Amino acid sequence: LLVYVRIFALAGPVCNARICSALCLALGCAAAFIA
């Protein structure tokens, strides 16, 4: 689901693809650790 958010919601004019991928990876790992 996080990949779909990264592809469809954050891609394009919102931010750079590399920054979005790194941000989603960091937030996903932090949320997974806390959970």
PDB file of all heavy atoms in Angstrom:
ATOM      1  N   LEU A   1       0.830  -1.205   0.000  1.00  0.00           N
ATOM      2  CA  LEU A   1       0.000   0.000   0.000  1.00  0.00           C
ATOM      3  C   LEU A   1       0.863   1.253   0.000  1.00  0.00           C
ATOM      4  O   LEU A   1       0.547   2.238  -0.674  1.00  0.00           O
ATOM      5  CB  LEU A   1      -0.933  -0.014   1.200  1.00  0.00           C
ATOM      6  CG  LEU A   1      -1.857   1.180   1.343  1.00  0.00           C
ATOM      7  CD1 LEU A   1      -2.901   1.178   0.238  1.00  0.00           C
ATOM      8  CD2 LEU A   1      -2.519   1.159   2.695  1.00  0.00           C
ATOM      9  N   LEU A   2       1.967   1.223   0.730  1.00  0.00           N
ATOM     10  CA  LEU A   2       2.903   2.341   0.749  1.00  0.00           C
ATOM     11  C   LEU A   2       3.501   2.592  -0.636  1.00  0.00           C
ATOM     12  O   LEU A   2       3.694   3.739  -1.034  1.00  0.00           O
ATOM     13  CB  LEU A   2       4.015   2.072   1.761  1.00  0.00           C
ATOM     14  CG  LEU A   2       5.082   3.128   1.930  1.00  0.00           C
ATOM     15  CD1 LEU A   2       4.481   4.371   2.565  1.00  0.00           C
ATOM     16  CD2 LEU A   2       6.222   2.601   2.757  1.00  0.00           C
ATOM     17  N   VAL A   3       3.762   1.529  -1.385  1.00  0.00           N
ATOM     18  CA  VAL A   3       4.270   1.690  -2.751  1.00  0.00           C
ATOM     19  C   VAL A   3       3.227   2.363  -3.630  1.00  0.00           C
ATOM     20  O   VAL A   3       3.555   3.251  -4.428  1.00  0.00           O
ATOM     21  CB  VAL A   3       4.691   0.324  -3.338  1.00  0.00           C
ATOM     22  CG1 VAL A   3       4.969   0.425  -4.815  1.00  0.00           C
ATOM     23  CG2 VAL A   3       5.905  -0.197  -2.622  1.00  0.00           C
ATOM     24  N   TYR A   4       1.965   1.980  -3.495  1.00  0.00           N
ATOM     25  CA  TYR A   4       0.918   2.626  -4.280  1.00  0.00           C
ATOM     26  C   TYR A   4       0.770   4.093  -3.922  1.00  0.00           C
ATOM     27  O   TYR A   4       0.547   4.931  -4.795  1.00  0.00           O
ATOM     28  CB  TYR A   4      -0.414   1.899  -4.109  1.00  0.00           C
ATOM     29  CG  TYR A   4      -0.495   0.641  -4.917  1.00  0.00           C
ATOM     30  CD1 TYR A   4      -0.569  -0.595  -4.310  1.00  0.00           C
ATOM     31  CD2 TYR A   4      -0.491   0.684  -6.306  1.00  0.00           C
ATOM     32  CE1 TYR A   4      -0.633  -1.757  -5.044  1.00  0.00           C
ATOM     33  CE2 TYR A   4      -0.549  -0.467  -7.056  1.00  0.00           C
ATOM     34  CZ  TYR A   4      -0.629  -1.682  -6.425  1.00  0.00           C
ATOM     35  OH  TYR A   4      -0.690  -2.827  -7.160  1.00  0.00           O
ATOM     36  N   VAL A   5       0.899   4.420  -2.667  1.00  0.00           N
ATOM     37  CA  VAL A   5       0.859   5.828  -2.255  1.00  0.00           C
ATOM     38  C   VAL A   5       2.018   6.578  -2.877  1.00  0.00           C
ATOM     39  O   VAL A   5       1.856   7.685  -3.390  1.00  0.00           O
ATOM     40  CB  VAL A   5       0.884   5.939  -0.711  1.00  0.00           C
ATOM     41  CG1 VAL A   5       1.168   7.361  -0.273  1.00  0.00           C
ATOM     42  CG2 VAL A   5      -0.421   5.463  -0.137  1.00  0.00           C
ATOM     43  N   ARG A   6       3.198   5.970  -2.864  1.00  0.00           N
ATOM     44  CA  ARG A   6       4.375   6.613  -3.432  1.00  0.00           C
ATOM     45  C   ARG A   6       4.222   6.809  -4.940  1.00  0.00           C
ATOM     46  O   ARG A   6       4.566   7.837  -5.500  1.00  0.00           O
ATOM     47  CB  ARG A   6       5.627   5.772  -3.134  1.00  0.00           C
ATOM     48  CG  ARG A   6       6.922   6.431  -3.584  1.00  0.00           C
ATOM     49  CD  ARG A   6       7.374   5.711  -4.831  1.00  0.00           C
ATOM     50  NE  ARG A   6       8.546   6.268  -5.445  1.00  0.00           N
ATOM     51  CZ  ARG A   6       8.529   7.017  -6.534  1.00  0.00           C
ATOM     52  NH1 ARG A   6       7.408   7.387  -7.068  1.00  0.00           N
ATOM     53  NH2 ARG A   6       9.643   7.422  -7.087  1.00  0.00           N
ATOM     54  N   ILE A   7       3.649   5.824  -5.625  1.00  0.00           N
ATOM     55  CA  ILE A   7       3.538   5.902  -7.086  1.00  0.00           C
ATOM     56  C   ILE A   7       2.435   6.870  -7.507  1.00  0.00           C
ATOM     57  O   ILE A   7       2.645   7.718  -8.370  1.00  0.00           O
ATOM     58  CB  ILE A   7       3.284   4.505  -7.680  1.00  0.00           C
ATOM     59  CG1 ILE A   7       4.531   3.651  -7.531  1.00  0.00           C
ATOM     60  CG2 ILE A   7       2.888   4.598  -9.141  1.00  0.00           C
ATOM     61  CD1 ILE A   7       4.337   2.211  -7.920  1.00  0.00           C
ATOM     62  N   PHE A   8       1.264   6.736  -6.911  1.00  0.00           N
ATOM     63  CA  PHE A   8       0.115   7.475  -7.411  1.00  0.00           C
ATOM     64  C   PHE A   8      -0.133   8.801  -6.709  1.00  0.00           C
ATOM     65  O   PHE A   8      -0.583   9.755  -7.331  1.00  0.00           O
ATOM     66  CB  PHE A   8      -1.144   6.612  -7.320  1.00  0.00           C
ATOM     67  CG  PHE A   8      -1.092   5.418  -8.221  1.00  0.00           C
ATOM     68  CD1 PHE A   8      -1.062   4.155  -7.689  1.00  0.00           C
ATOM     69  CD2 PHE A   8      -1.035   5.574  -9.591  1.00  0.00           C
ATOM     70  CE1 PHE A   8      -1.004   3.042  -8.512  1.00  0.00           C
ATOM     71  CE2 PHE A   8      -0.969   4.476 -10.422  1.00  0.00           C
ATOM     72  CZ  PHE A   8      -0.955   3.206  -9.881  1.00  0.00           C
ATOM     73  N   ALA A   9       0.153   8.900  -5.432  1.00  0.00           N
ATOM     74  CA  ALA A   9      -0.167  10.126  -4.712  1.00  0.00           C
ATOM     75  C   ALA A   9       0.995  11.108  -4.672  1.00  0.00           C
ATOM     76  O   ALA A   9       0.774  12.314  -4.718  1.00  0.00           O
ATOM     77  CB  ALA A   9      -0.614   9.801  -3.293  1.00  0.00           C
ATOM     78  N   LEU A  10       2.213  10.609  -4.549  1.00  0.00           N
ATOM     79  CA  LEU A  10       3.340  11.507  -4.372  1.00  0.00           C
ATOM     80  C   LEU A  10       4.159  11.737  -5.635  1.00  0.00           C
ATOM     81  O   LEU A  10       4.973  12.641  -5.664  1.00  0.00           O
ATOM     82  CB  LEU A  10       4.267  10.972  -3.275  1.00  0.00           C
ATOM     83  CG  LEU A  10       3.655  10.876  -1.890  1.00  0.00           C
ATOM     84  CD1 LEU A  10       4.651  10.264  -0.927  1.00  0.00           C
ATOM     85  CD2 LEU A  10       3.210  12.232  -1.404  1.00  0.00           C
ATOM     86  N   ALA A  11       3.977  10.913  -6.637  1.00  0.00           N
ATOM     87  CA  ALA A  11       4.773  11.065  -7.857  1.00  0.00           C
ATOM     88  C   ALA A  11       4.272  12.253  -8.676  1.00  0.00           C
ATOM     89  O   ALA A  11       3.149  12.714  -8.529  1.00  0.00           O
ATOM     90  CB  ALA A  11       4.709   9.802  -8.691  1.00  0.00           C
ATOM     91  N   GLY A  12       5.137  12.711  -9.539  1.00  0.00           N
ATOM     92  CA  GLY A  12       4.756  13.789 -10.438  1.00  0.00           C
ATOM     93  C   GLY A  12       5.115  15.154  -9.901  1.00  0.00           C
ATOM     94  O   GLY A  12       6.236  15.386  -9.463  1.00  0.00           O
ATOM     95  N   PRO A  13       4.171  16.062  -9.903  1.00  0.00           N
ATOM     96  CA  PRO A  13       4.486  17.446  -9.548  1.00  0.00           C
ATOM     97  C   PRO A  13       4.687  17.687  -8.062  1.00  0.00           C
ATOM     98  O   PRO A  13       5.146  18.756  -7.683  1.00  0.00           O
ATOM     99  CB  PRO A  13       3.267  18.218 -10.049  1.00  0.00           C
ATOM    100  CG  PRO A  13       2.151  17.232 -10.011  1.00  0.00           C
ATOM    101  CD  PRO A  13       2.784  15.902 -10.341  1.00  0.00           C
ATOM    102  N   VAL A  14       4.360  16.729  -7.211  1.00  0.00           N
ATOM    103  CA  VAL A  14       4.457  16.966  -5.772  1.00  0.00           C
ATOM    104  C   VAL A  14       5.909  17.050  -5.323  1.00  0.00           C
ATOM    105  O   VAL A  14       6.310  17.985  -4.647  1.00  0.00           O
ATOM    106  CB  VAL A  14       3.698  15.874  -4.987  1.00  0.00           C
ATOM    107  CG1 VAL A  14       3.890  16.043  -3.499  1.00  0.00           C
ATOM    108  CG2 VAL A  14       2.238  15.895  -5.354  1.00  0.00           C
ATOM    109  N   CYS A  15       6.721  16.051  -5.676  1.00  0.00           N
ATOM    110  CA  CYS A  15       8.126  16.070  -5.283  1.00  0.00           C
ATOM    111  C   CYS A  15       8.933  15.182  -6.216  1.00  0.00           C
ATOM    112  O   CYS A  15       8.389  14.461  -7.041  1.00  0.00           O
ATOM    113  CB  CYS A  15       8.315  15.641  -3.831  1.00  0.00           C
ATOM    114  SG  CYS A  15       7.919  13.936  -3.512  1.00  0.00           S
ATOM    115  N   ASN A  16      10.228  15.244  -6.063  1.00  0.00           N
ATOM    116  CA  ASN A  16      11.142  14.445  -6.854  1.00  0.00           C
ATOM    117  C   ASN A  16      10.954  12.966  -6.509  1.00  0.00           C
ATOM    118  O   ASN A  16      10.698  12.601  -5.364  1.00  0.00           O
ATOM    119  CB  ASN A  16      12.577  14.891  -6.526  1.00  0.00           C
ATOM    120  CG  ASN A  16      13.601  14.257  -7.407  1.00  0.00           C
ATOM    121  OD1 ASN A  16      13.280  13.454  -8.292  1.00  0.00           O
ATOM    122  ND2 ASN A  16      14.850  14.614  -7.183  1.00  0.00           N
ATOM    123  N   ALA A  17      11.128  12.082  -7.496  1.00  0.00           N
ATOM    124  CA  ALA A  17      10.912  10.644  -7.290  1.00  0.00           C
ATOM    125  C   ALA A  17      11.906  10.070  -6.289  1.00  0.00           C
ATOM    126  O   ALA A  17      11.551   9.231  -5.457  1.00  0.00           O
ATOM    127  CB  ALA A  17      11.011   9.906  -8.617  1.00  0.00           C
ATOM    128  N   ARG A  18      13.139  10.494  -6.336  1.00  0.00           N
ATOM    129  CA  ARG A  18      14.153   9.979  -5.412  1.00  0.00           C
ATOM    130  C   ARG A  18      13.860  10.416  -3.972  1.00  0.00           C
ATOM    131  O   ARG A  18      13.997   9.646  -3.040  1.00  0.00           O
ATOM    132  CB  ARG A  18      15.533  10.454  -5.833  1.00  0.00           C
ATOM    133  CG  ARG A  18      16.646   9.885  -4.997  1.00  0.00           C
ATOM    134  CD  ARG A  18      17.967  10.291  -5.562  1.00  0.00           C
ATOM    135  NE  ARG A  18      18.114   9.662  -6.874  1.00  0.00           N
ATOM    136  CZ  ARG A  18      19.207   9.061  -7.272  1.00  0.00           C
ATOM    137  NH1 ARG A  18      20.252   9.029  -6.500  1.00  0.00           N
ATOM    138  NH2 ARG A  18      19.279   8.521  -8.464  1.00  0.00           N
ATOM    139  N   ILE A  19      13.448  11.646  -3.809  1.00  0.00           N
ATOM    140  CA  ILE A  19      13.121  12.150  -2.478  1.00  0.00           C
ATOM    141  C   ILE A  19      11.874  11.441  -1.944  1.00  0.00           C
ATOM    142  O   ILE A  19      11.821  11.055  -0.774  1.00  0.00           O
ATOM    143  CB  ILE A  19      12.923  13.679  -2.518  1.00  0.00           C
ATOM    144  CG1 ILE A  19      14.251  14.365  -2.846  1.00  0.00           C
ATOM    145  CG2 ILE A  19      12.368  14.189  -1.200  1.00  0.00           C
ATOM    146  CD1 ILE A  19      14.109  15.833  -3.127  1.00  0.00           C
ATOM    147  N   CYS A  20      10.863  11.241  -2.794  1.00  0.00           N
ATOM    148  CA  CYS A  20       9.649  10.543  -2.371  1.00  0.00           C
ATOM    149  C   CYS A  20       9.952   9.106  -1.963  1.00  0.00           C
ATOM    150  O   CYS A  20       9.412   8.610  -0.976  1.00  0.00           O
ATOM    151  CB  CYS A  20       8.614  10.543  -3.490  1.00  0.00           C
ATOM    152  SG  CYS A  20       7.796  12.106  -3.731  1.00  0.00           S
ATOM    153  N   SER A  21      10.815   8.429  -2.706  1.00  0.00           N
ATOM    154  CA  SER A  21      11.156   7.049  -2.371  1.00  0.00           C
ATOM    155  C   SER A  21      11.889   6.972  -1.037  1.00  0.00           C
ATOM    156  O   SER A  21      11.582   6.122  -0.198  1.00  0.00           O
ATOM    157  CB  SER A  21      12.015   6.428  -3.467  1.00  0.00           C
ATOM    158  OG  SER A  21      11.289   6.285  -4.645  1.00  0.00           O
ATOM    159  N   ALA A  22      12.853   7.851  -0.845  1.00  0.00           N
ATOM    160  CA  ALA A  22      13.596   7.855   0.414  1.00  0.00           C
ATOM    161  C   ALA A  22      12.694   8.214   1.592  1.00  0.00           C
ATOM    162  O   ALA A  22      12.791   7.607   2.668  1.00  0.00           O
ATOM    163  CB  ALA A  22      14.769   8.826   0.330  1.00  0.00           C
ATOM    164  N   LEU A  23      11.814   9.161   1.392  1.00  0.00           N
ATOM    165  CA  LEU A  23      10.887   9.558   2.448  1.00  0.00           C
ATOM    166  C   LEU A  23       9.920   8.427   2.789  1.00  0.00           C
ATOM    167  O   LEU A  23       9.694   8.138   3.972  1.00  0.00           O
ATOM    168  CB  LEU A  23      10.116  10.809   2.023  1.00  0.00           C
ATOM    169  CG  LEU A  23       9.144  11.379   3.027  1.00  0.00           C
ATOM    170  CD1 LEU A  23       9.890  11.917   4.238  1.00  0.00           C
ATOM    171  CD2 LEU A  23       8.323  12.472   2.392  1.00  0.00           C
ATOM    172  N   CYS A  24       9.360   7.780   1.781  1.00  0.00           N
ATOM    173  CA  CYS A  24       8.448   6.660   2.043  1.00  0.00           C
ATOM    174  C   CYS A  24       9.167   5.501   2.708  1.00  0.00           C
ATOM    175  O   CYS A  24       8.609   4.848   3.583  1.00  0.00           O
ATOM    176  CB  CYS A  24       7.805   6.194   0.733  1.00  0.00           C
ATOM    177  SG  CYS A  24       6.496   7.260   0.159  1.00  0.00           S
ATOM    178  N   LEU A  25      10.404   5.239   2.313  1.00  0.00           N
ATOM    179  CA  LEU A  25      11.168   4.162   2.936  1.00  0.00           C
ATOM    180  C   LEU A  25      11.460   4.473   4.402  1.00  0.00           C
ATOM    181  O   LEU A  25      11.279   3.620   5.281  1.00  0.00           O
ATOM    182  CB  LEU A  25      12.468   3.925   2.173  1.00  0.00           C
ATOM    183  CG  LEU A  25      13.350   2.801   2.682  1.00  0.00           C
ATOM    184  CD1 LEU A  25      12.624   1.472   2.569  1.00  0.00           C
ATOM    185  CD2 LEU A  25      14.644   2.763   1.898  1.00  0.00           C
ATOM    186  N   ALA A  26      11.868   5.690   4.690  1.00  0.00           N
ATOM    187  CA  ALA A  26      12.175   6.074   6.069  1.00  0.00           C
ATOM    188  C   ALA A  26      10.915   6.075   6.938  1.00  0.00           C
ATOM    189  O   ALA A  26      10.926   5.537   8.056  1.00  0.00           O
ATOM    190  CB  ALA A  26      12.829   7.447   6.093  1.00  0.00           C
ATOM    191  N   LEU A  27       9.833   6.631   6.450  1.00  0.00           N
ATOM    192  CA  LEU A  27       8.595   6.649   7.225  1.00  0.00           C
ATOM    193  C   LEU A  27       8.004   5.254   7.388  1.00  0.00           C
ATOM    194  O   LEU A  27       7.471   4.920   8.446  1.00  0.00           O
ATOM    195  CB  LEU A  27       7.576   7.580   6.566  1.00  0.00           C
ATOM    196  CG  LEU A  27       7.908   9.063   6.630  1.00  0.00           C
ATOM    197  CD1 LEU A  27       6.867   9.871   5.864  1.00  0.00           C
ATOM    198  CD2 LEU A  27       7.986   9.532   8.054  1.00  0.00           C
ATOM    199  N   GLY A  28       8.115   4.437   6.355  1.00  0.00           N
ATOM    200  CA  GLY A  28       7.625   3.057   6.452  1.00  0.00           C
ATOM    201  C   GLY A  28       8.405   2.240   7.461  1.00  0.00           C
ATOM    202  O   GLY A  28       7.821   1.479   8.245  1.00  0.00           O
ATOM    203  N   CYS A  29       9.729   2.394   7.462  1.00  0.00           N
ATOM    204  CA  CYS A  29      10.553   1.662   8.438  1.00  0.00           C
ATOM    205  C   CYS A  29      10.308   2.160   9.859  1.00  0.00           C
ATOM    206  O   CYS A  29      10.258   1.359  10.803  1.00  0.00           O
ATOM    207  CB  CYS A  29      12.026   1.767   8.071  1.00  0.00           C
ATOM    208  SG  CYS A  29      12.468   0.770   6.639  1.00  0.00           S
ATOM    209  N   ALA A  30      10.142   3.457  10.033  1.00  0.00           N
ATOM    210  CA  ALA A  30       9.864   3.995  11.364  1.00  0.00           C
ATOM    211  C   ALA A  30       8.507   3.521  11.873  1.00  0.00           C
ATOM    212  O   ALA A  30       8.376   3.113  13.033  1.00  0.00           O
ATOM    213  CB  ALA A  30       9.920   5.520  11.336  1.00  0.00           C
ATOM    214  N   ALA A  31       7.503   3.551  11.011  1.00  0.00           N
ATOM    215  CA  ALA A  31       6.177   3.079  11.421  1.00  0.00           C
ATOM    216  C   ALA A  31       6.185   1.580  11.695  1.00  0.00           C
ATOM    217  O   ALA A  31       5.528   1.108  12.637  1.00  0.00           O
ATOM    218  CB  ALA A  31       5.151   3.413  10.340  1.00  0.00           C
ATOM    219  N   ALA A  32       6.931   0.815  10.905  1.00  0.00           N
ATOM    220  CA  ALA A  32       7.016  -0.628  11.124  1.00  0.00           C
ATOM    221  C   ALA A  32       7.724  -0.937  12.436  1.00  0.00           C
ATOM    222  O   ALA A  32       7.336  -1.863  13.160  1.00  0.00           O
ATOM    223  CB  ALA A  32       7.732  -1.291   9.962  1.00  0.00           C
ATOM    224  N   PHE A  33       8.759  -0.181  12.766  1.00  0.00           N
ATOM    225  CA  PHE A  33       9.463  -0.400  14.029  1.00  0.00           C
ATOM    226  C   PHE A  33       8.552  -0.103  15.217  1.00  0.00           C
ATOM    227  O   PHE A  33       8.473  -0.890  16.161  1.00  0.00           O
ATOM    228  CB  PHE A  33      10.721   0.471  14.088  1.00  0.00           C
ATOM    229  CG  PHE A  33      11.487   0.306  15.367  1.00  0.00           C
ATOM    230  CD1 PHE A  33      12.322  -0.779  15.547  1.00  0.00           C
ATOM    231  CD2 PHE A  33      11.362   1.221  16.393  1.00  0.00           C
ATOM    232  CE1 PHE A  33      13.021  -0.950  16.724  1.00  0.00           C
ATOM    233  CE2 PHE A  33      12.058   1.072  17.571  1.00  0.00           C
ATOM    234  CZ  PHE A  33      12.891  -0.016  17.742  1.00  0.00           C
ATOM    235  N   ILE A  34       7.861   1.013  15.162  1.00  0.00           N
ATOM    236  CA  ILE A  34       6.967   1.383  16.259  1.00  0.00           C
ATOM    237  C   ILE A  34       5.834   0.369  16.385  1.00  0.00           C
ATOM    238  O   ILE A  34       5.477  -0.044  17.489  1.00  0.00           O
ATOM    239  CB  ILE A  34       6.430   2.814  16.050  1.00  0.00           C
ATOM    240  CG1 ILE A  34       7.576   3.818  16.214  1.00  0.00           C
ATOM    241  CG2 ILE A  34       5.302   3.122  17.021  1.00  0.00           C
ATOM    242  CD1 ILE A  34       7.233   5.213  15.808  1.00  0.00           C
ATOM    243  N   ALA A  35       5.279  -0.073  15.265  1.00  0.00           N
ATOM    244  CA  ALA A  35       4.215  -1.070  15.318  1.00  0.00           C
ATOM    245  C   ALA A  35       4.727  -2.404  15.827  1.00  0.00           C
ATOM    246  O   ALA A  35       4.053  -3.091  16.600  1.00  0.00           O
ATOM    247  CB  ALA A  35       3.591  -1.229  13.942  1.00  0.00           C
TER     248      ALA A  35
END
